[in-house]
Amino acid sequence: MLTKPKPNFKFSILFTFLLLLSFLIFVARSSDVAVEAGSEEELDDLEQLLAVDEQLQEERPEQQSEAETVSKAQRIVVELNGDNTKRLIDGNEYVMVLGYAPWCARSAELMPRFAEAATDLKEIGSSVLMAKIDGERYSKVASQLEIKGFPTLLLFVNGTSQSYTGGFSSEEIVIWVQKKTGASTIKLDTVDEASGFLKKHHTFILGLFEKSEDSSGHDEFVKAASLDNEIQFVETSSIDVAKLLFPNLKTNNVFVGLVKTEAEKYTSYDGPCQAEKIVEFLNSNKFPLVTKLTESNTVRVYSSPVKLQVMVFSKTDDFESLAQPLEDIARKFKSKLMLIYIDISNENLAMPFLTLFGIEDAKKTVVAAFDNNLNSKYLLESDPSPSNIEEFCFGLAHGTVSAYYKSQPIPDNQNASVVAVVGRTFDEVVLRSSENVLLEVHTPWCINCEALSKQVEKLSQHFKGFENLVFARIDASANEHPKLTVDDYPTILLYKTGEKENPLKLSTKSSAKDMAVLINKELKWKDQSGKDEL
């Protein structure tokens, strides 16, 4: 027989339930407090660790290994995760974030430079919080930050992000961050300050102003510094400081000059002290006489205001004999063209360019050029000797070198029903021919090209014996011509006699029979053979 529970039993159950609920609420609140404190504790812990590092370095500076230095630098960078990202970004005025992936080789290369930049920024008193996030592990958070690839650098200013546009050395990262978050120039007053500066900076632009802020042109110099994101601007009113930074200094008055670490180390600016002119001078002179292309500087090189770029593809050993002559050539054509060296054995860098010239298999030195204003390319087809390279550069600078267009070897078209056209024969077979030409433009990777090629073969047989009509095809992946501009493949073009400058584009979706009807109509022929065979 069932019995009702006693009242005290009911009370026990209710009491137990309330006790359990109270415990859960307490745990939840404790968790929230811990999370809120997490941000401050993380930063406090970081500061304590760095303090320990500094103490150890003072006690035994000679025992600091490179690994320990790197470890210290990496600890300065805060690791973001799903819990702390929003809080740290919202709670700091400036946060520089590196989005990386463990498997990404470029991320692995950038991370120690990023950590070194973080160390340098801390030493100069920057308020920027340097942070990184594993975008693969915390993909949702990375997506919210708009990290779409690896590595990605973003600067958050009061919670709003902006893309990083600087270089990828630690020095370049520091310069970019400083210009975005602090003063656009560094002011040096003493020789000791200048000596310390030279230990860390290798490329910079110097401004000498007798009375600093009151000097003529000072405001324009500072404005120029804010317009450029790559080069460190340095200002001083001390002649001694200026001469230490720029030994070739010839004046005690207002002076602006660029310092680099290569053969042409010191370059004086002799133009008006106007921001735009200073930046123009900087853009024309900031690269070495011969720039070695790397994966980290490709964007800077391509965006250079010097759009006529001569590229020397060569093996490292072969380039050694060309290095000095190329520097001499670069001096002669400075600001007119840019000389770039690319290791021909580096397929990631060299192959995309060599493919554009149809010389992917090149093993020896190749000299080529691109005019990014005209979208034209040029190739030195003679021996790449210093004298020939100089003559090539002279012709480029004066506009006397003809643009280069890819072409396969001239084919043997004997007895061919469809004539093969290449870049070198396009004028003769298509444009200058007195005959009507139906041209099929295809590529090897085109999915629909094979089916269309069969239709063209049928059409060539259908019109066999008809005078004044030639069927032809060209592989657009291996052949180029300035008058052949096709964006999609396959393409059928009908070049009518007397109207070769304006070919008629035929629909590639038409059947062979419909094409035959259209050809007859355009050429005003009577179809002498039944169309049923198509």
Protein backbone atom coordinates (compact mmCIF):
# COMPACT_ATOMS: atom_id res chain seq x y z
CA MET A 1 0.00 0.00 0.00
CA LEU A 2 1.29 3.48 -0.99
CA THR A 3 1.80 6.04 1.74
CA LYS A 4 2.13 9.85 1.47
CA PRO A 5 5.53 11.30 2.33
CA LYS A 6 5.77 12.95 5.66
CA PRO A 7 5.93 16.79 5.77
CA ASN A 8 9.49 16.83 7.12
CA PHE A 9 10.60 14.65 4.19
CA LYS A 10 9.14 17.17 1.73
CA PHE A 11 10.98 19.94 3.55
CA SER A 12 14.25 17.99 3.35
CA ILE A 13 13.93 17.67 -0.42
CA LEU A 14 13.13 21.37 -0.83
CA PHE A 15 16.00 22.39 1.44
CA THR A 16 18.45 20.21 -0.47
CA PHE A 17 17.28 21.70 -3.77
CA LEU A 18 17.69 25.28 -2.54
CA LEU A 19 21.11 24.50 -1.12
CA LEU A 20 22.25 23.06 -4.45
CA LEU A 21 20.85 26.07 -6.34
CA SER A 22 22.64 28.49 -4.01
CA PHE A 23 25.90 26.65 -4.57
CA LEU A 24 25.55 26.85 -8.34
CA ILE A 25 24.80 30.60 -8.22
CA PHE A 26 27.84 31.13 -6.00
CA VAL A 27 30.08 29.21 -8.42
CA ALA A 28 28.76 31.18 -11.40
CA ARG A 29 29.33 34.52 -9.70
CA SER A 30 32.80 33.48 -8.59
CA SER A 31 33.57 32.51 -12.19
CA ASP A 32 32.39 35.92 -13.46
CA VAL A 33 34.57 37.73 -10.93
CA ALA A 34 37.54 35.58 -11.92
CA VAL A 35 36.94 36.31 -15.61
CA GLU A 36 36.67 40.04 -14.97
CA ALA A 37 39.90 39.95 -13.02
CA GLY A 38 41.56 37.74 -15.62
CA SER A 39 42.57 40.61 -17.90
CA GLU A 40 44.25 42.61 -15.13
CA GLU A 41 45.88 39.51 -13.65
CA GLU A 42 47.27 38.47 -17.05
CA LEU A 43 48.87 41.88 -17.54
CA ASP A 44 50.09 41.99 -13.92
CA ASP A 45 51.66 38.55 -14.30
CA LEU A 46 53.27 39.65 -17.53
CA GLU A 47 54.79 42.71 -15.87
CA GLN A 48 56.10 40.56 -12.99
CA LEU A 49 57.74 38.10 -15.41
CA LEU A 50 59.35 40.93 -17.32
CA ALA A 51 60.61 42.45 -14.07
CA VAL A 52 62.27 39.13 -13.24
CA ASP A 53 63.85 39.07 -16.72
CA GLU A 54 65.21 42.58 -16.26
CA GLN A 55 66.66 41.72 -12.84
CA LEU A 56 68.38 38.61 -14.21
CA GLN A 57 69.76 40.56 -17.12
CA GLU A 58 71.24 43.14 -14.75
CA GLU A 59 72.79 40.40 -12.59
CA ARG A 60 74.28 38.34 -15.41
CA PRO A 61 74.11 40.26 -18.73
CA GLU A 62 76.96 38.26 -20.25
CA GLN A 63 75.05 35.00 -19.74
CA GLN A 64 71.94 36.06 -21.64
CA SER A 65 71.68 33.59 -24.52
CA GLU A 66 69.89 34.31 -27.77
CA ALA A 67 67.22 31.77 -26.82
CA GLU A 68 66.60 33.56 -23.50
CA THR A 69 66.34 36.89 -25.30
CA VAL A 70 63.80 35.45 -27.74
CA SER A 71 61.87 33.84 -24.87
CA LYS A 72 61.68 37.17 -23.06
CA ALA A 73 60.49 38.92 -26.22
CA GLN A 74 57.79 36.33 -26.80
CA ARG A 75 56.48 36.75 -23.24
CA ILE A 76 55.85 40.41 -23.94
CA VAL A 77 53.29 39.37 -26.55
CA VAL A 78 49.93 38.51 -24.93
CA GLU A 79 48.25 35.32 -26.15
CA LEU A 80 44.61 35.96 -27.02
CA ASN A 81 41.90 33.34 -26.69
CA GLY A 82 38.13 32.97 -26.63
CA ASP A 83 37.83 34.51 -23.16
CA ASN A 84 40.13 37.53 -23.16
CA THR A 85 40.18 38.90 -26.72
CA LYS A 86 37.22 41.29 -26.57
CA ARG A 87 38.10 42.47 -23.09
CA LEU A 88 41.73 43.26 -23.92
CA ILE A 89 40.91 45.01 -27.20
CA ASP A 90 38.12 47.07 -25.64
CA GLY A 91 40.18 47.83 -22.55
CA ASN A 92 43.27 49.22 -24.28
CA GLU A 93 43.59 52.24 -26.53
CA TYR A 94 46.06 50.54 -28.87
CA VAL A 95 46.32 46.80 -29.53
CA MET A 96 48.45 45.30 -32.29
CA VAL A 97 47.25 41.77 -33.14
CA LEU A 98 49.08 39.07 -35.07
CA GLY A 99 46.76 36.38 -36.40
CA TYR A 100 48.73 33.20 -37.08
CA ALA A 101 48.36 29.46 -37.68
CA PRO A 102 50.76 26.81 -36.29
CA TRP A 103 51.19 25.19 -39.72
CA CYS A 104 51.86 28.47 -41.58
CA ALA A 105 55.53 28.88 -42.52
CA ARG A 106 55.22 32.64 -43.01
CA SER A 107 53.62 32.94 -39.58
CA ALA A 108 56.59 31.09 -38.08
CA GLU A 109 58.97 33.53 -39.78
CA LEU A 110 57.05 36.60 -38.64
CA MET A 111 56.42 35.67 -34.99
CA PRO A 112 60.00 36.22 -33.68
CA ARG A 113 60.18 39.55 -35.55
CA PHE A 114 56.84 40.54 -34.04
CA ALA A 115 58.13 39.61 -30.57
CA GLU A 116 61.32 41.60 -31.14
CA ALA A 117 59.23 44.59 -32.22
CA ALA A 118 57.18 44.22 -29.04
CA THR A 119 60.39 44.39 -26.98
CA ASP A 120 61.61 47.51 -28.79
CA LEU A 121 58.25 49.22 -28.40
CA LYS A 122 58.21 48.47 -24.67
CA GLU A 123 61.73 49.86 -24.27
CA ILE A 124 60.77 53.18 -25.85
CA GLY A 125 57.70 53.45 -23.63
CA SER A 126 55.01 52.70 -26.20
CA SER A 127 51.53 52.12 -24.79
CA VAL A 128 50.63 49.61 -27.52
CA LEU A 129 49.61 46.16 -26.30
CA MET A 130 51.18 43.56 -28.59
CA ALA A 131 49.08 40.40 -28.88
CA LYS A 132 48.74 37.27 -31.00
CA ILE A 133 45.98 34.74 -31.61
CA ASP A 134 46.03 31.21 -32.99
CA GLY A 135 43.49 31.72 -35.76
CA GLU A 136 43.06 28.01 -36.31
CA ARG A 137 42.35 27.12 -32.69
CA TYR A 138 40.16 30.17 -32.09
CA SER A 139 38.69 30.41 -35.57
CA LYS A 140 35.43 32.04 -34.43
CA VAL A 141 37.25 34.81 -32.58
CA ALA A 142 39.65 35.28 -35.51
CA SER A 143 36.70 35.59 -37.87
CA GLN A 144 35.14 38.24 -35.63
CA LEU A 145 38.41 40.16 -35.80
CA GLU A 146 38.26 39.83 -39.62
CA ILE A 147 41.42 37.73 -39.78
CA LYS A 148 40.97 36.01 -43.14
CA GLY A 149 44.44 34.61 -43.82
CA PHE A 150 47.77 33.93 -42.17
CA PRO A 151 49.69 35.78 -41.06
CA THR A 152 47.51 38.88 -40.59
CA LEU A 153 48.48 42.04 -38.71
CA LEU A 154 45.81 44.42 -37.42
CA LEU A 155 46.01 47.55 -35.28
CA PHE A 156 43.03 48.23 -33.04
CA VAL A 157 42.56 51.86 -31.99
CA ASN A 158 39.86 52.18 -29.33
CA GLY A 159 38.38 48.89 -30.55
CA THR A 160 38.37 49.78 -34.27
CA SER A 161 40.74 47.86 -36.52
CA GLN A 162 42.89 49.04 -39.40
CA SER A 163 45.01 46.90 -41.70
CA TYR A 164 48.77 46.83 -41.39
CA THR A 165 50.54 48.30 -44.43
CA GLY A 166 54.18 48.28 -43.37
CA GLY A 167 57.14 45.97 -43.88
CA PHE A 168 57.83 42.73 -42.02
CA SER A 169 61.12 43.26 -40.25
CA SER A 170 61.00 44.11 -36.55
CA GLU A 171 62.31 47.60 -37.30
CA GLU A 172 59.60 48.22 -39.91
CA ILE A 173 56.87 47.01 -37.55
CA VAL A 174 58.10 49.36 -34.83
CA ILE A 175 58.22 52.33 -37.21
CA TRP A 176 54.70 51.68 -38.52
CA VAL A 177 53.20 51.21 -35.06
CA GLN A 178 54.93 54.29 -33.68
CA LYS A 179 53.70 56.47 -36.52
CA LYS A 180 50.14 55.23 -36.05
CA THR A 181 50.09 55.50 -32.26
CA GLY A 182 52.67 58.10 -31.24
CA ALA A 183 54.92 60.79 -32.67
CA SER A 184 55.67 60.58 -36.39
CA THR A 185 59.30 61.66 -35.79
CA ILE A 186 62.00 60.91 -33.25
CA LYS A 187 63.77 63.93 -31.75
CA LEU A 188 67.45 63.51 -30.85
CA ASP A 189 69.17 66.18 -28.77
CA THR A 190 72.49 64.59 -27.78
CA VAL A 191 75.26 62.57 -29.36
CA ASP A 192 74.63 59.74 -26.87
CA GLU A 193 70.99 59.55 -27.96
CA ALA A 194 72.10 59.49 -31.59
CA SER A 195 74.62 56.70 -30.91
CA GLY A 196 71.90 54.59 -29.28
CA PHE A 197 69.60 55.30 -32.19
CA LEU A 198 72.18 54.12 -34.75
CA LYS A 199 72.46 50.75 -33.00
CA LYS A 200 68.82 49.96 -33.77
CA HIS A 201 67.99 51.89 -36.94
CA HIS A 202 69.63 51.28 -40.30
CA THR A 203 67.43 53.27 -42.68
CA PHE A 204 66.07 56.70 -41.81
CA ILE A 205 65.61 60.25 -43.06
CA LEU A 206 67.27 63.07 -41.15
CA GLY A 207 66.01 66.62 -40.73
CA LEU A 208 68.31 69.33 -39.32
CA PHE A 209 66.53 72.44 -38.10
CA GLU A 210 68.50 75.11 -36.22
CA LYS A 211 65.75 76.02 -33.79
CA SER A 212 63.67 72.89 -34.21
CA GLU A 213 59.96 73.79 -34.21
CA ASP A 214 60.68 77.43 -35.13
CA SER A 215 62.83 76.54 -38.16
CA SER A 216 61.61 77.01 -41.69
CA GLY A 217 60.35 73.76 -43.16
CA HIS A 218 60.07 71.90 -39.84
CA ASP A 219 56.27 71.63 -40.08
CA GLU A 220 56.58 70.30 -43.64
CA PHE A 221 59.12 67.69 -42.47
CA VAL A 222 56.76 66.49 -39.73
CA LYS A 223 53.88 66.42 -42.22
CA ALA A 224 55.98 64.30 -44.59
CA ALA A 225 56.71 61.92 -41.70
CA SER A 226 53.00 61.43 -41.13
CA LEU A 227 52.43 60.74 -44.85
CA ASP A 228 54.98 57.90 -44.93
CA ASN A 229 54.53 54.65 -42.99
CA GLU A 230 57.80 52.87 -43.78
CA ILE A 231 60.83 55.04 -43.00
CA GLN A 232 61.79 56.49 -39.63
CA PHE A 233 62.02 60.30 -39.62
CA VAL A 234 64.57 61.85 -37.24
CA GLU A 235 64.83 65.53 -36.34
CA THR A 236 67.51 67.44 -34.49
CA SER A 237 68.74 71.00 -33.92
CA SER A 238 72.26 69.83 -33.02
CA ILE A 239 74.98 70.03 -35.68
CA ASP A 240 77.02 67.38 -33.82
CA VAL A 241 74.08 64.96 -33.79
CA ALA A 242 73.40 65.61 -37.47
CA LYS A 243 77.04 64.97 -38.44
CA LEU A 244 77.09 61.71 -36.47
CA LEU A 245 73.98 60.50 -38.30
CA PHE A 246 75.00 61.95 -41.68
CA PRO A 247 78.83 62.25 -41.88
CA ASN A 248 78.66 63.76 -45.38
CA LEU A 249 76.80 66.82 -44.06
CA LYS A 250 78.07 69.98 -45.77
CA THR A 251 75.88 72.65 -44.20
CA ASN A 252 74.94 74.01 -40.78
CA ASN A 253 71.56 75.23 -41.99
CA VAL A 254 68.30 73.42 -42.71
CA PHE A 255 69.09 69.99 -44.16
CA VAL A 256 67.21 66.82 -45.14
CA GLY A 257 68.95 63.59 -46.14
CA LEU A 258 68.33 59.85 -46.42
CA VAL A 259 70.55 57.21 -44.77
CA LYS A 260 70.54 53.55 -45.93
CA THR A 261 72.71 50.49 -45.32
CA GLU A 262 73.83 49.76 -48.87
CA ALA A 263 76.37 51.09 -51.37
CA GLU A 264 74.62 54.42 -51.78
CA LYS A 265 74.42 55.05 -48.05
CA TYR A 266 73.96 58.84 -47.91
CA THR A 267 71.64 60.79 -50.21
CA SER A 268 71.07 64.52 -49.74
CA TYR A 269 67.76 66.15 -50.61
CA ASP A 270 68.16 69.40 -52.55
CA GLY A 271 64.53 70.25 -53.25
CA PRO A 272 62.10 72.62 -51.54
CA CYS A 273 61.13 71.79 -47.97
CA GLN A 274 57.60 70.74 -48.86
CA ALA A 275 55.98 67.58 -47.50
CA GLU A 276 54.89 66.18 -50.87
CA LYS A 277 58.33 66.78 -52.42
CA ILE A 278 60.13 65.16 -49.47
CA VAL A 279 57.90 62.07 -49.76
CA GLU A 280 58.51 61.98 -53.51
CA PHE A 281 62.27 62.09 -52.89
CA LEU A 282 61.93 59.35 -50.29
CA ASN A 283 59.91 57.05 -52.55
CA SER A 284 62.46 57.43 -55.36
CA ASN A 285 65.47 56.71 -53.14
CA LYS A 286 64.40 54.41 -50.28
CA PHE A 287 65.16 51.17 -52.14
CA PRO A 288 68.72 49.88 -52.68
CA LEU A 289 70.30 50.49 -56.07
CA VAL A 290 69.56 46.83 -56.80
CA THR A 291 66.69 45.44 -54.72
CA LYS A 292 66.59 41.73 -53.95
CA LEU A 293 62.99 40.53 -54.17
CA THR A 294 61.82 38.49 -51.18
CA GLU A 295 58.43 37.22 -50.04
CA SER A 296 58.37 39.89 -47.33
CA ASN A 297 59.03 42.91 -49.57
CA THR A 298 57.01 42.04 -52.69
CA VAL A 299 54.15 44.39 -51.83
CA ARG A 300 56.51 47.32 -51.22
CA VAL A 301 58.36 46.68 -54.47
CA TYR A 302 55.22 46.40 -56.59
CA SER A 303 53.75 49.55 -55.04
CA SER A 304 56.90 51.59 -55.69
CA PRO A 305 56.23 54.86 -57.55
CA VAL A 306 58.96 53.81 -59.99
CA LYS A 307 56.77 51.75 -62.31
CA LEU A 308 59.39 50.77 -64.88
CA GLN A 309 61.04 47.77 -63.22
CA VAL A 310 63.94 45.76 -64.68
CA MET A 311 64.19 42.25 -63.25
CA VAL A 312 67.35 40.16 -63.33
CA PHE A 313 66.64 36.45 -62.80
CA SER A 314 69.88 34.67 -61.94
CA LYS A 315 71.46 32.02 -59.75
CA THR A 316 73.22 33.38 -56.68
CA ASP A 317 76.70 32.48 -57.96
CA ASP A 318 76.07 33.98 -61.41
CA PHE A 319 74.68 37.17 -59.91
CA GLU A 320 77.87 37.92 -57.97
CA SER A 321 79.67 38.96 -61.17
CA LEU A 322 76.74 41.19 -62.17
CA ALA A 323 76.13 42.90 -58.82
CA GLN A 324 78.64 45.76 -59.15
CA PRO A 325 77.91 46.54 -62.85
CA LEU A 326 74.18 46.56 -62.07
CA GLU A 327 74.70 49.08 -59.25
CA ASP A 328 76.59 51.33 -61.70
CA ILE A 329 73.75 51.00 -64.22
CA ALA A 330 71.17 51.75 -61.53
CA ARG A 331 72.92 55.03 -60.67
CA LYS A 332 72.67 56.17 -64.29
CA PHE A 333 68.92 55.55 -64.50
CA LYS A 334 67.96 56.43 -60.95
CA SER A 335 64.29 57.48 -60.53
CA LYS A 336 63.63 56.42 -64.15
CA LEU A 337 63.68 52.68 -63.56
CA MET A 338 64.16 50.22 -60.70
CA LEU A 339 66.57 47.28 -60.84
CA ILE A 340 65.43 44.10 -59.06
CA TYR A 341 67.28 40.83 -58.51
CA ILE A 342 65.32 37.56 -58.24
CA ASP A 343 66.93 34.24 -57.40
CA ILE A 344 65.94 32.10 -60.39
CA SER A 345 66.09 28.95 -58.25
CA ASN A 346 63.32 30.32 -55.99
CA GLU A 347 60.30 29.01 -57.89
CA ASN A 348 57.76 30.81 -55.73
CA LEU A 349 59.21 34.17 -56.70
CA ALA A 350 60.66 33.58 -60.16
CA MET A 351 58.17 31.23 -61.82
CA PRO A 352 55.15 33.58 -61.93
CA PHE A 353 57.22 36.13 -63.88
CA LEU A 354 59.00 33.68 -66.15
CA THR A 355 55.65 32.12 -67.06
CA LEU A 356 54.48 35.50 -68.37
CA PHE A 357 57.32 35.34 -70.88
CA GLY A 358 56.81 31.68 -71.73
CA ILE A 359 60.28 30.75 -70.45
CA GLU A 360 59.40 28.71 -67.37
CA ASP A 361 62.29 26.32 -68.01
CA ALA A 362 64.98 29.02 -68.02
CA LYS A 363 68.05 28.02 -66.02
CA LYS A 364 70.51 30.77 -66.98
CA THR A 365 70.35 34.50 -66.34
CA VAL A 366 67.29 36.25 -67.78
CA VAL A 367 66.75 40.02 -67.93
CA ALA A 368 63.18 41.22 -68.33
CA ALA A 369 61.20 44.37 -67.55
CA PHE A 370 57.67 45.48 -66.72
CA ASP A 371 56.12 48.89 -67.22
CA ASN A 372 53.31 48.86 -64.69
CA ASN A 373 51.88 52.10 -66.07
CA LEU A 374 51.45 50.70 -69.59
CA ASN A 375 50.91 47.05 -68.58
CA SER A 376 53.71 46.14 -70.98
CA LYS A 377 56.55 43.68 -70.64
CA TYR A 378 59.98 43.54 -72.27
CA LEU A 379 62.67 40.90 -72.67
CA LEU A 380 66.39 41.23 -73.33
CA GLU A 381 66.82 38.60 -76.03
CA SER A 382 70.59 39.06 -76.45
CA ASP A 383 73.34 37.90 -74.10
CA PRO A 384 72.78 39.40 -70.59
CA SER A 385 76.20 41.07 -70.41
CA PRO A 386 76.57 44.34 -68.46
CA SER A 387 76.86 46.36 -71.70
CA ASN A 388 73.74 44.75 -73.19
CA ILE A 389 71.81 45.26 -69.95
CA GLU A 390 72.80 48.95 -69.90
CA GLU A 391 71.74 49.35 -73.54
CA PHE A 392 68.44 47.60 -72.70
CA CYS A 393 67.86 50.00 -69.79
CA PHE A 394 68.70 53.01 -71.96
CA GLY A 395 66.12 51.91 -74.53
CA LEU A 396 63.51 51.35 -71.84
CA ALA A 397 64.12 54.77 -70.31
CA HIS A 398 63.77 56.44 -73.71
CA GLY A 399 60.86 54.33 -74.98
CA THR A 400 62.69 52.72 -77.88
CA VAL A 401 62.39 49.06 -76.82
CA SER A 402 59.50 47.12 -78.35
CA ALA A 403 57.10 45.33 -76.01
CA TYR A 404 57.53 41.56 -75.81
CA TYR A 405 54.77 39.12 -76.72
CA LYS A 406 54.96 35.39 -76.14
CA SER A 407 55.10 33.07 -79.12
CA GLN A 408 55.56 29.38 -79.76
CA PRO A 409 57.91 28.32 -82.57
CA ILE A 410 56.51 28.82 -86.08
CA PRO A 411 54.64 25.59 -86.97
CA ASP A 412 54.53 23.58 -90.17
CA ASN A 413 50.97 23.94 -91.44
CA GLN A 414 51.39 21.92 -94.62
CA ASN A 415 48.14 20.06 -95.48
CA ALA A 416 46.50 21.28 -92.23
CA SER A 417 42.74 21.80 -92.47
CA VAL A 418 42.91 24.13 -89.47
CA VAL A 419 46.02 26.35 -89.54
CA ALA A 420 47.98 26.75 -86.28
CA VAL A 421 48.71 30.41 -85.57
CA VAL A 422 51.39 31.62 -83.10
CA GLY A 423 52.30 35.07 -81.85
CA ARG A 424 54.93 35.60 -84.54
CA THR A 425 52.63 34.61 -87.41
CA PHE A 426 49.45 36.38 -86.26
CA ASP A 427 50.06 39.41 -88.48
CA GLU A 428 50.85 37.33 -91.58
CA VAL A 429 48.14 34.68 -91.27
CA VAL A 430 45.33 36.75 -89.79
CA LEU A 431 45.71 40.53 -90.06
CA ARG A 432 47.63 40.99 -93.32
CA SER A 433 46.07 38.05 -95.12
CA SER A 434 43.76 38.87 -98.05
CA GLU A 435 41.51 35.96 -97.03
CA ASN A 436 38.69 35.75 -94.52
CA VAL A 437 39.90 33.98 -91.36
CA LEU A 438 37.80 32.15 -88.79
CA LEU A 439 40.02 31.98 -85.69
CA GLU A 440 39.48 29.68 -82.72
CA VAL A 441 41.13 31.01 -79.55
CA HIS A 442 41.70 28.30 -76.93
CA THR A 443 43.84 27.26 -73.96
CA PRO A 444 44.92 23.79 -72.75
CA TRP A 445 43.11 24.21 -69.41
CA CYS A 446 39.80 25.29 -70.97
CA ILE A 447 37.04 22.75 -70.25
CA ASN A 448 34.86 23.51 -73.28
CA CYS A 449 37.65 24.10 -75.78
CA GLU A 450 37.98 20.48 -76.90
CA ALA A 451 34.33 20.21 -77.93
CA LEU A 452 34.51 23.47 -79.87
CA SER A 453 37.71 22.37 -81.60
CA LYS A 454 35.82 19.36 -83.00
CA GLN A 455 33.13 21.69 -84.35
CA VAL A 456 35.77 23.84 -86.03
CA GLU A 457 37.26 20.73 -87.63
CA LYS A 458 33.81 19.85 -89.01
CA LEU A 459 33.35 23.37 -90.33
CA SER A 460 36.75 23.29 -92.04
CA GLN A 461 35.72 20.09 -93.82
CA HIS A 462 32.31 21.52 -94.67
CA PHE A 463 33.82 24.59 -96.32
CA LYS A 464 36.72 22.69 -97.91
CA GLY A 465 37.19 23.96 -101.44
CA PHE A 466 35.65 27.35 -100.72
CA GLU A 467 37.99 30.11 -101.78
CA ASN A 468 38.92 33.03 -99.60
CA LEU A 469 38.24 31.32 -96.24
CA VAL A 470 40.87 30.01 -93.80
CA PHE A 471 40.20 28.15 -90.57
CA ALA A 472 42.81 28.76 -87.84
CA ARG A 473 43.38 28.34 -84.13
CA ILE A 474 45.74 29.86 -81.56
CA ASP A 475 46.75 28.74 -78.05
CA ALA A 476 46.31 31.94 -76.04
CA SER A 477 48.22 30.55 -73.06
CA ALA A 478 51.46 30.37 -75.07
CA ASN A 479 50.97 33.12 -77.67
CA GLU A 480 50.22 36.83 -77.47
CA HIS A 481 49.60 39.70 -79.86
CA PRO A 482 48.67 43.34 -79.13
CA LYS A 483 45.63 43.08 -81.41
CA LEU A 484 44.35 39.87 -79.82
CA THR A 485 42.51 40.69 -76.59
CA VAL A 486 40.35 37.81 -75.40
CA ASP A 487 39.02 37.44 -71.85
CA ASP A 488 37.15 34.12 -72.03
CA TYR A 489 37.81 30.78 -73.68
CA PRO A 490 36.97 29.34 -76.07
CA THR A 491 36.33 32.28 -78.41
CA ILE A 492 35.52 32.25 -82.14
CA LEU A 493 36.43 35.34 -84.16
CA LEU A 494 35.65 35.91 -87.84
CA TYR A 495 38.14 38.28 -89.49
CA LYS A 496 36.47 39.47 -92.70
CA THR A 497 38.50 40.81 -95.58
CA GLY A 498 38.67 44.58 -95.34
CA GLU A 499 37.42 44.54 -91.74
CA LYS A 500 40.31 42.88 -89.94
CA GLU A 501 40.45 45.59 -87.25
CA ASN A 502 36.95 44.70 -86.05
CA PRO A 503 36.52 40.91 -86.01
CA LEU A 504 33.04 39.45 -85.50
CA LYS A 505 32.65 37.36 -82.35
CA LEU A 506 30.57 34.22 -82.95
CA SER A 507 28.62 32.45 -80.24
CA THR A 508 30.48 29.38 -79.02
CA LYS A 509 27.15 27.88 -77.94
CA SER A 510 25.91 27.63 -81.53
CA SER A 511 25.86 24.29 -83.31
CA ALA A 512 28.18 23.68 -86.27
CA LYS A 513 25.15 23.97 -88.55
CA ASP A 514 24.17 27.39 -87.14
CA MET A 515 27.76 28.59 -87.47
CA ALA A 516 27.83 27.49 -91.10
CA VAL A 517 24.63 29.45 -91.79
CA LEU A 518 26.12 32.54 -90.10
CA ILE A 519 29.40 32.26 -92.03
CA ASN A 520 27.48 31.99 -95.30
CA LYS A 521 25.41 35.01 -94.37
CA GLU A 522 28.39 37.16 -93.33
CA LEU A 523 30.44 36.24 -96.36
CA LYS A 524 27.35 36.40 -98.61
CA TRP A 525 27.85 32.96 -100.08
CA LYS A 526 25.32 30.52 -101.29
CA ASP A 527 25.66 27.23 -99.47
CA GLN A 528 26.71 24.90 -102.27
CA SER A 529 26.76 21.78 -100.15
CA GLY A 530 23.85 20.57 -98.01
CA LYS A 531 23.96 21.64 -94.38
CA ASP A 532 22.55 18.34 -93.24
CA GLU A 533 26.03 16.86 -93.14
CA LEU A 534 26.70 19.14 -90.16
